[in-house]
PDB file of N, CA and C in Angstrom:
ATOM      1  N   MET A   1     -50.741 136.274 102.759  1.00  0.00           N
ATOM      2  CA  MET A   1     -51.165 137.321 103.660  1.00  0.00           C
ATOM      3  C   MET A   1     -52.350 136.753 104.500  1.00  0.00           C
ATOM      4  N   LYS A   2     -52.163 136.969 105.822  1.00  0.00           N
ATOM      5  CA  LYS A   2     -53.115 136.406 106.783  1.00  0.00           C
ATOM      6  C   LYS A   2     -54.331 137.266 106.878  1.00  0.00           C
ATOM      7  N   LYS A   3     -55.518 136.645 106.908  1.00  0.00           N
ATOM      8  CA  LYS A   3     -56.794 137.410 107.043  1.00  0.00           C
ATOM      9  C   LYS A   3     -56.867 137.956 108.448  1.00  0.00           C
ATOM     10  N   GLU A   4     -57.400 139.162 108.521  1.00  0.00           N
ATOM     11  CA  GLU A   4     -57.640 139.822 109.752  1.00  0.00           C
ATOM     12  C   GLU A   4     -59.140 140.057 109.917  1.00  0.00           C
ATOM     13  N   PHE A   5     -59.678 139.928 111.124  1.00  0.00           N
ATOM     14  CA  PHE A   5     -61.142 140.145 111.383  1.00  0.00           C
ATOM     15  C   PHE A   5     -61.208 141.281 112.483  1.00  0.00           C
ATOM     16  N   VAL A   6     -62.327 141.961 112.388  1.00  0.00           N
ATOM     17  CA  VAL A   6     -62.573 143.056 113.306  1.00  0.00           C
ATOM     18  C   VAL A   6     -63.790 142.822 114.172  1.00  0.00           C
ATOM     19  N   LEU A   7     -63.651 142.905 115.446  1.00  0.00           N
ATOM     20  CA  LEU A   7     -64.804 142.746 116.400  1.00  0.00           C
ATOM     21  C   LEU A   7     -65.150 144.175 116.854  1.00  0.00           C
ATOM     22  N   ILE A   8     -66.442 144.451 116.673  1.00  0.00           N
ATOM     23  CA  ILE A   8     -66.998 145.772 117.164  1.00  0.00           C
ATOM     24  C   ILE A   8     -68.086 145.369 118.141  1.00  0.00           C
ATOM     25  N   PHE A   9     -67.994 145.934 119.358  1.00  0.00           N
ATOM     26  CA  PHE A   9     -68.963 145.550 120.380  1.00  0.00           C
ATOM     27  C   PHE A   9     -69.377 146.771 121.156  1.00  0.00           C
ATOM     28  N   ASP A  10     -70.584 146.571 121.843  1.00  0.00           N
ATOM     29  CA  ASP A  10     -71.103 147.540 122.761  1.00  0.00           C
ATOM     30  C   ASP A  10     -71.688 146.795 123.951  1.00  0.00           C
ATOM     31  N   VAL A  11     -71.276 147.244 125.158  1.00  0.00           N
ATOM     32  CA  VAL A  11     -71.765 146.584 126.356  1.00  0.00           C
ATOM     33  C   VAL A  11     -72.434 147.706 127.168  1.00  0.00           C
ATOM     34  N   PRO A  12     -73.643 147.504 127.645  1.00  0.00           N
ATOM     35  CA  PRO A  12     -74.363 148.496 128.414  1.00  0.00           C
ATOM     36  C   PRO A  12     -73.491 148.901 129.682  1.00  0.00           C
ATOM     37  N   ARG A  13     -73.571 150.162 130.045  1.00  0.00           N
ATOM     38  CA  ARG A  13     -72.779 150.712 131.188  1.00  0.00           C
ATOM     39  C   ARG A  13     -72.890 149.940 132.480  1.00  0.00           C
ATOM     40  N   ASP A  14     -74.110 149.359 132.673  1.00  0.00           N
ATOM     41  CA  ASP A  14     -74.311 148.699 133.999  1.00  0.00           C
ATOM     42  C   ASP A  14     -73.637 147.296 133.974  1.00  0.00           C
ATOM     43  N   LEU A  15     -73.057 146.842 132.836  1.00  0.00           N
ATOM     44  CA  LEU A  15     -72.361 145.579 132.732  1.00  0.00           C
ATOM     45  C   LEU A  15     -70.830 145.811 132.668  1.00  0.00           C
ATOM     46  N   HIS A  16     -70.324 146.548 133.528  1.00  0.00           N
ATOM     47  CA  HIS A  16     -68.909 146.937 133.503  1.00  0.00           C
ATOM     48  C   HIS A  16     -68.045 145.694 133.688  1.00  0.00           C
ATOM     49  N   LYS A  17     -68.467 144.662 134.480  1.00  0.00           N
ATOM     50  CA  LYS A  17     -67.677 143.514 134.686  1.00  0.00           C
ATOM     51  C   LYS A  17     -67.553 142.675 133.381  1.00  0.00           C
ATOM     52  N   VAL A  18     -68.604 142.724 132.551  1.00  0.00           N
ATOM     53  CA  VAL A  18     -68.552 141.986 131.251  1.00  0.00           C
ATOM     54  C   VAL A  18     -67.560 142.666 130.381  1.00  0.00           C
ATOM     55  N   GLU A  19     -67.582 143.985 130.255  1.00  0.00           N
ATOM     56  CA  GLU A  19     -66.584 144.758 129.437  1.00  0.00           C
ATOM     57  C   GLU A  19     -65.236 144.454 129.921  1.00  0.00           C
ATOM     58  N   LEU A  20     -64.921 144.415 131.215  1.00  0.00           N
ATOM     59  CA  LEU A  20     -63.636 144.173 131.761  1.00  0.00           C
ATOM     60  C   LEU A  20     -63.166 142.771 131.332  1.00  0.00           C
ATOM     61  N   LYS A  21     -64.056 141.793 131.495  1.00  0.00           N
ATOM     62  CA  LYS A  21     -63.658 140.418 131.048  1.00  0.00           C
ATOM     63  C   LYS A  21     -63.336 140.292 129.581  1.00  0.00           C
ATOM     64  N   VAL A  22     -64.160 140.940 128.783  1.00  0.00           N
ATOM     65  CA  VAL A  22     -63.989 140.921 127.345  1.00  0.00           C
ATOM     66  C   VAL A  22     -62.607 141.603 126.970  1.00  0.00           C
ATOM     67  N   ASN A  23     -62.294 142.738 127.569  1.00  0.00           N
ATOM     68  CA  ASN A  23     -61.077 143.388 127.304  1.00  0.00           C
ATOM     69  C   ASN A  23     -59.832 142.550 127.757  1.00  0.00           C
ATOM     70  N   ARG A  24     -59.929 141.926 128.891  1.00  0.00           N
ATOM     71  CA  ARG A  24     -58.869 141.061 129.403  1.00  0.00           C
ATOM     72  C   ARG A  24     -58.651 139.878 128.424  1.00  0.00           C
ATOM     73  N   ASP A  25     -59.798 139.254 128.006  1.00  0.00           N
ATOM     74  CA  ASP A  25     -59.683 138.127 127.051  1.00  0.00           C
ATOM     75  C   ASP A  25     -59.016 138.534 125.757  1.00  0.00           C
ATOM     76  N   LEU A  26     -59.434 139.681 125.233  1.00  0.00           N
ATOM     77  CA  LEU A  26     -58.809 140.179 123.971  1.00  0.00           C
ATOM     78  C   LEU A  26     -57.339 140.457 124.135  1.00  0.00           C
ATOM     79  N   HIS A  27     -56.936 141.076 125.276  1.00  0.00           N
ATOM     80  CA  HIS A  27     -55.493 141.321 125.544  1.00  0.00           C
ATOM     81  C   HIS A  27     -54.762 139.986 125.662  1.00  0.00           C
ATOM     82  N   ARG A  28     -55.338 139.032 126.392  1.00  0.00           N
ATOM     83  CA  ARG A  28     -54.687 137.720 126.631  1.00  0.00           C
ATOM     84  C   ARG A  28     -54.395 136.989 125.309  1.00  0.00           C
ATOM     85  N   HIS A  29     -55.325 137.127 124.363  1.00  0.00           N
ATOM     86  CA  HIS A  29     -55.218 136.476 123.093  1.00  0.00           C
ATOM     87  C   HIS A  29     -54.494 137.302 122.050  1.00  0.00           C
ATOM     88  N   GLU A  30     -53.884 138.362 122.526  1.00  0.00           N
ATOM     89  CA  GLU A  30     -53.063 139.232 121.680  1.00  0.00           C
ATOM     90  C   GLU A  30     -53.786 139.935 120.529  1.00  0.00           C
ATOM     91  N   ALA A  31     -55.077 140.230 120.821  1.00  0.00           N
ATOM     92  CA  ALA A  31     -55.873 141.018 119.799  1.00  0.00           C
ATOM     93  C   ALA A  31     -55.305 142.458 119.865  1.00  0.00           C
ATOM     94  N   LYS A  32     -55.455 143.169 118.763  1.00  0.00           N
ATOM     95  CA  LYS A  32     -54.966 144.602 118.711  1.00  0.00           C
ATOM     96  C   LYS A  32     -56.166 145.551 118.808  1.00  0.00           C
ATOM     97  N   MET A  33     -56.083 146.513 119.713  1.00  0.00           N
ATOM     98  CA  MET A  33     -57.161 147.442 119.888  1.00  0.00           C
ATOM     99  C   MET A  33     -56.997 148.520 118.826  1.00  0.00           C
ATOM    100  N   VAL A  34     -58.117 148.736 118.066  1.00  0.00           N
ATOM    101  CA  VAL A  34     -58.177 149.788 117.057  1.00  0.00           C
ATOM    102  C   VAL A  34     -58.704 151.092 117.643  1.00  0.00           C
ATOM    103  N   GLN A  35     -59.858 150.882 118.362  1.00  0.00           N
ATOM    104  CA  GLN A  35     -60.472 151.959 119.190  1.00  0.00           C
ATOM    105  C   GLN A  35     -61.008 151.278 120.425  1.00  0.00           C
ATOM    106  N   HIS A  36     -61.649 151.995 121.277  1.00  0.00           N
ATOM    107  CA  HIS A  36     -62.159 151.509 122.576  1.00  0.00           C
ATOM    108  C   HIS A  36     -62.847 150.141 122.472  1.00  0.00           C
ATOM    109  N   SER A  37     -63.861 150.031 121.630  1.00  0.00           N
ATOM    110  CA  SER A  37     -64.603 148.772 121.473  1.00  0.00           C
ATOM    111  C   SER A  37     -64.484 148.166 120.087  1.00  0.00           C
ATOM    112  N   VAL A  38     -63.327 148.396 119.468  1.00  0.00           N
ATOM    113  CA  VAL A  38     -63.027 147.854 118.141  1.00  0.00           C
ATOM    114  C   VAL A  38     -61.644 147.171 118.233  1.00  0.00           C
ATOM    115  N   TRP A  39     -61.684 145.863 117.994  1.00  0.00           N
ATOM    116  CA  TRP A  39     -60.419 145.060 118.104  1.00  0.00           C
ATOM    117  C   TRP A  39     -60.189 144.276 116.800  1.00  0.00           C
ATOM    118  N   ARG A  40     -58.973 143.986 116.557  1.00  0.00           N
ATOM    119  CA  ARG A  40     -58.544 143.236 115.330  1.00  0.00           C
ATOM    120  C   ARG A  40     -57.743 141.988 115.739  1.00  0.00           C
ATOM    121  N   HIS A  41     -58.047 140.901 115.073  1.00  0.00           N
ATOM    122  CA  HIS A  41     -57.331 139.644 115.383  1.00  0.00           C
ATOM    123  C   HIS A  41     -57.527 138.698 114.181  1.00  0.00           C
ATOM    124  N   SER A  42     -56.545 137.774 114.024  1.00  0.00           N
ATOM    125  CA  SER A  42     -56.632 136.824 112.834  1.00  0.00           C
ATOM    126  C   SER A  42     -57.353 135.548 113.228  1.00  0.00           C
ATOM    127  N   ASP A  43     -57.649 135.296 114.495  1.00  0.00           N
ATOM    128  CA  ASP A  43     -58.300 134.080 114.948  1.00  0.00           C
ATOM    129  C   ASP A  43     -59.849 134.291 114.958  1.00  0.00           C
ATOM    130  N   LEU A  44     -60.529 133.991 113.883  1.00  0.00           N
ATOM    131  CA  LEU A  44     -61.979 134.186 113.812  1.00  0.00           C
ATOM    132  C   LEU A  44     -62.719 133.405 114.901  1.00  0.00           C
ATOM    133  N   SER A  45     -62.318 132.162 115.095  1.00  0.00           N
ATOM    134  CA  SER A  45     -63.058 131.338 116.134  1.00  0.00           C
ATOM    135  C   SER A  45     -62.937 131.966 117.478  1.00  0.00           C
ATOM    136  N   ARG A  46     -61.834 132.556 117.832  1.00  0.00           N
ATOM    137  CA  ARG A  46     -61.698 133.199 119.153  1.00  0.00           C
ATOM    138  C   ARG A  46     -62.590 134.409 119.237  1.00  0.00           C
ATOM    139  N   LEU A  47     -62.658 135.190 118.121  1.00  0.00           N
ATOM    140  CA  LEU A  47     -63.567 136.393 118.166  1.00  0.00           C
ATOM    141  C   LEU A  47     -65.007 136.016 118.260  1.00  0.00           C
ATOM    142  N   ILE A  48     -65.399 134.889 117.553  1.00  0.00           N
ATOM    143  CA  ILE A  48     -66.802 134.403 117.691  1.00  0.00           C
ATOM    144  C   ILE A  48     -67.075 134.022 119.084  1.00  0.00           C
ATOM    145  N   GLU A  49     -66.181 133.357 119.790  1.00  0.00           N
ATOM    146  CA  GLU A  49     -66.421 132.970 121.210  1.00  0.00           C
ATOM    147  C   GLU A  49     -66.668 134.229 122.021  1.00  0.00           C
ATOM    148  N   ILE A  50     -65.837 135.238 121.863  1.00  0.00           N
ATOM    149  CA  ILE A  50     -65.948 136.462 122.643  1.00  0.00           C
ATOM    150  C   ILE A  50     -67.264 137.156 122.259  1.00  0.00           C
ATOM    151  N   ALA A  51     -67.571 137.260 121.015  1.00  0.00           N
ATOM    152  CA  ALA A  51     -68.808 137.918 120.526  1.00  0.00           C
ATOM    153  C   ALA A  51     -69.999 137.236 121.099  1.00  0.00           C
ATOM    154  N   THR A  52     -69.981 135.910 121.164  1.00  0.00           N
ATOM    155  CA  THR A  52     -71.096 135.122 121.705  1.00  0.00           C
ATOM    156  C   THR A  52     -71.287 135.452 123.163  1.00  0.00           C
ATOM    157  N   PHE A  53     -70.194 135.451 123.884  1.00  0.00           N
ATOM    158  CA  PHE A  53     -70.237 135.822 125.307  1.00  0.00           C
ATOM    159  C   PHE A  53     -70.893 137.219 125.522  1.00  0.00           C
ATOM    160  N   ILE A  54     -70.491 138.192 124.703  1.00  0.00           N
ATOM    161  CA  ILE A  54     -70.954 139.532 124.780  1.00  0.00           C
ATOM    162  C   ILE A  54     -72.457 139.588 124.586  1.00  0.00           C
ATOM    163  N   LYS A  55     -72.906 138.891 123.521  1.00  0.00           N
ATOM    164  CA  LYS A  55     -74.378 138.872 123.217  1.00  0.00           C
ATOM    165  C   LYS A  55     -75.187 138.153 124.290  1.00  0.00           C
ATOM    166  N   LYS A  56     -74.695 137.041 124.866  1.00  0.00           N
ATOM    167  CA  LYS A  56     -75.312 136.329 125.924  1.00  0.00           C
ATOM    168  C   LYS A  56     -75.411 137.114 127.216  1.00  0.00           C
ATOM    169  N   SER A  57     -74.470 138.066 127.354  1.00  0.00           N
ATOM    170  CA  SER A  57     -74.417 138.946 128.542  1.00  0.00           C
ATOM    171  C   SER A  57     -75.245 140.149 128.404  1.00  0.00           C
ATOM    172  N   GLY A  58     -75.910 140.382 127.265  1.00  0.00           N
ATOM    173  CA  GLY A  58     -76.761 141.549 127.084  1.00  0.00           C
ATOM    174  C   GLY A  58     -76.175 142.647 126.189  1.00  0.00           C
ATOM    175  N   GLY A  59     -75.013 142.408 125.612  1.00  0.00           N
ATOM    176  CA  GLY A  59     -74.448 143.490 124.727  1.00  0.00           C
ATOM    177  C   GLY A  59     -74.688 143.115 123.319  1.00  0.00           C
ATOM    178  N   SER A  60     -74.029 143.875 122.431  1.00  0.00           N
ATOM    179  CA  SER A  60     -74.130 143.597 120.998  1.00  0.00           C
ATOM    180  C   SER A  60     -72.730 143.511 120.418  1.00  0.00           C
ATOM    181  N   ALA A  61     -72.590 142.624 119.429  1.00  0.00           N
ATOM    182  CA  ALA A  61     -71.274 142.414 118.844  1.00  0.00           C
ATOM    183  C   ALA A  61     -71.383 142.101 117.367  1.00  0.00           C
ATOM    184  N   THR A  62     -70.400 142.575 116.541  1.00  0.00           N
ATOM    185  CA  THR A  62     -70.372 142.333 115.110  1.00  0.00           C
ATOM    186  C   THR A  62     -68.913 142.008 114.748  1.00  0.00           C
ATOM    187  N   ILE A  63     -68.790 141.023 113.881  1.00  0.00           N
ATOM    188  CA  ILE A  63     -67.395 140.700 113.335  1.00  0.00           C
ATOM    189  C   ILE A  63     -67.400 140.950 111.832  1.00  0.00           C
ATOM    190  N   LEU A  64     -66.396 141.715 111.433  1.00  0.00           N
ATOM    191  CA  LEU A  64     -66.180 141.999 110.025  1.00  0.00           C
ATOM    192  C   LEU A  64     -64.888 141.417 109.523  1.00  0.00           C
ATOM    193  N   GLU A  65     -64.759 141.117 108.272  1.00  0.00           N
ATOM    194  CA  GLU A  65     -63.502 140.713 107.721  1.00  0.00           C
ATOM    195  C   GLU A  65     -62.805 141.983 107.162  1.00  0.00           C
ATOM    196  N   GLU A  66     -61.577 142.239 107.627  1.00  0.00           N
ATOM    197  CA  GLU A  66     -60.887 143.374 107.191  1.00  0.00           C
ATOM    198  C   GLU A  66     -60.339 143.182 105.796  1.00  0.00           C
ATOM    199  N   LYS A  67     -60.537 144.164 104.928  1.00  0.00           N
ATOM    200  CA  LYS A  67     -59.988 144.111 103.582  1.00  0.00           C
ATOM    201  C   LYS A  67     -59.367 145.480 103.213  1.00  0.00           C
ATOM    202  N   LEU A  68     -58.129 145.444 103.036  1.00  0.00           N
ATOM    203  CA  LEU A  68     -57.434 146.721 102.685  1.00  0.00           C
ATOM    204  C   LEU A  68     -57.651 147.026 101.161  1.00  0.00           C
ATOM    205  N   ILE A  69     -58.156 148.193 100.950  1.00  0.00           N
ATOM    206  CA  ILE A  69     -58.445 148.623  99.549  1.00  0.00           C
ATOM    207  C   ILE A  69     -57.315 149.470  98.981  1.00  0.00           C
ATOM    208  N   PHE A  70     -56.783 150.397  99.777  1.00  0.00           N
ATOM    209  CA  PHE A  70     -55.764 151.313  99.285  1.00  0.00           C
ATOM    210  C   PHE A  70     -54.768 151.656 100.374  1.00  0.00           C
TER     211      PHE A  70
END
């Protein structure tokens, strides 16, 4: 079973271009949207790159390892 990771992020409203770039990057790398700012992907290094970009741009980002309990 492949591990899945979840990226949760928040970008301030005045940084719309940052959010647009992040969403395009996530789509291009075939991440799956769970909710508006919650995405799932199996490539941890890719999510770390995107999260680093978000933080450097003034937003906040967290990556969690998904674990199915039931």
